Protein backbone atom coordinates (compact mmCIF):
# COMPACT_ATOMS: atom_id res chain seq x y z
CA MET A 1 53.35 -23.02 -15.26
CA SER A 2 51.98 -19.53 -15.07
CA THR A 3 53.28 -16.49 -16.86
CA LYS A 4 52.95 -13.03 -15.43
CA ILE A 5 50.84 -10.69 -17.53
CA VAL A 6 52.07 -7.13 -17.86
CA THR A 7 49.36 -4.73 -18.94
CA ILE A 8 50.01 -1.77 -21.18
CA LYS A 9 49.26 0.54 -18.24
CA GLN A 10 51.79 -1.26 -16.01
CA ALA A 11 54.43 -1.15 -18.75
CA ALA A 12 53.86 2.58 -19.25
CA GLU A 13 54.09 3.25 -15.51
CA GLN A 14 57.31 1.21 -15.29
CA TYR A 15 58.80 3.10 -18.22
CA VAL A 16 57.94 6.49 -16.71
CA ALA A 17 59.48 5.35 -13.38
CA HIS A 18 62.60 4.29 -15.31
CA LEU A 19 62.86 7.74 -16.90
CA LYS A 20 62.67 9.28 -13.41
CA GLU A 21 65.41 6.94 -12.17
CA LEU A 22 67.59 8.04 -15.08
CA GLY A 23 67.13 11.63 -13.93
CA LYS A 24 65.33 12.79 -17.07
CA ASN A 25 63.92 16.30 -17.11
CA GLU A 26 60.45 16.55 -15.52
CA ARG A 27 59.02 18.08 -18.71
CA THR A 28 60.31 15.08 -20.70
CA ILE A 29 58.68 12.69 -18.24
CA VAL A 30 55.34 14.54 -18.42
CA THR A 31 55.47 14.57 -22.23
CA TYR A 32 56.26 10.86 -22.46
CA ALA A 33 53.46 10.05 -19.98
CA ARG A 34 50.98 12.11 -22.03
CA HIS A 35 51.88 10.23 -25.22
CA LEU A 36 51.69 6.87 -23.45
CA ASP A 37 48.24 7.81 -22.13
CA LEU A 38 47.05 7.92 -25.75
CA ALA A 39 48.11 4.29 -26.19
CA ILE A 40 46.53 3.25 -22.89
CA ALA A 41 43.24 4.87 -23.92
CA HIS A 42 43.39 3.25 -27.36
CA PHE A 43 44.26 -0.30 -26.28
CA GLY A 44 42.63 -0.32 -22.84
CA GLU A 45 44.61 -0.25 -19.62
CA ASP A 46 44.21 -4.00 -19.02
CA LYS A 47 45.54 -5.06 -22.44
CA ASP A 48 48.35 -7.62 -22.13
CA ILE A 49 51.32 -5.89 -23.73
CA ALA A 50 52.59 -9.23 -25.07
CA LYS A 51 49.43 -9.46 -27.18
CA VAL A 52 49.89 -6.09 -28.88
CA LEU A 53 50.98 -7.02 -32.39
CA ALA A 54 52.47 -4.91 -35.18
CA VAL A 55 49.06 -4.74 -36.87
CA HIS A 56 47.57 -3.26 -33.68
CA VAL A 57 50.36 -0.70 -33.43
CA ALA A 58 49.84 0.27 -37.08
CA ALA A 59 46.13 0.81 -36.42
CA PHE A 60 46.97 2.92 -33.36
CA PHE A 61 49.34 5.08 -35.42
CA LYS A 62 46.53 5.67 -37.95
CA SER A 63 43.89 6.43 -35.29
CA ASP A 64 42.33 9.80 -34.55
CA ALA A 65 43.92 9.66 -31.09
CA VAL A 66 47.34 10.00 -32.70
CA ASN A 67 46.45 12.13 -35.72
CA LYS A 68 43.82 14.58 -34.47
CA LEU A 69 43.59 16.98 -31.59
CA ILE A 70 40.02 16.75 -30.35
CA ARG A 71 38.71 19.12 -27.71
CA GLU A 72 35.33 18.85 -26.12
CA PRO A 73 33.15 21.98 -26.38
CA LYS A 74 33.37 24.54 -23.63
CA LYS A 75 29.64 25.22 -23.78
CA GLU A 76 26.79 22.79 -24.18
CA GLY A 77 25.50 22.62 -27.75
CA GLU A 78 28.78 23.68 -29.36
CA PRO A 79 30.55 21.20 -31.63
CA ARG A 80 33.81 19.53 -30.68
CA ALA A 81 36.89 21.34 -31.90
CA GLU A 82 38.94 19.09 -34.13
CA ARG A 83 42.15 19.72 -36.02
CA PRO A 84 45.07 17.65 -37.28
CA ARG A 85 47.97 17.22 -34.89
CA SER A 86 51.27 18.62 -36.10
CA PRO A 87 53.63 16.20 -37.90
CA HIS A 88 56.13 16.78 -35.08
CA THR A 89 53.62 15.67 -32.43
CA ILE A 90 52.62 12.60 -34.44
CA ALA A 91 56.28 11.63 -34.89
CA GLN A 92 56.91 12.18 -31.19
CA THR A 93 53.99 9.89 -30.22
CA LYS A 94 55.40 7.18 -32.48
CA ARG A 95 58.92 7.55 -31.02
CA VAL A 96 57.63 7.37 -27.43
CA PHE A 97 55.49 4.31 -28.12
CA ARG A 98 58.34 2.48 -29.84
CA ALA A 99 60.76 3.20 -26.97
């Protein structure tokens, strides 16, 4: 008996497609996709979503990907620009991921 594995990337793509089917605003869809991309980058696109446990989600919510805005330097030799994300953005990422 085989079970079908759904990766985190597949689940995110299916969710974004569902939002489109519901007729959600394009800006909402883009925003949700951007937040889901953070999770895909954190867990890896091939991660079986069934194996993502609460402890993994908690670690994701504490990660720099969620809590810091990191921009690569525009010129070689300059440091990366790093600053905390706004509480609103952090809360939004958590809401999107829990949906």
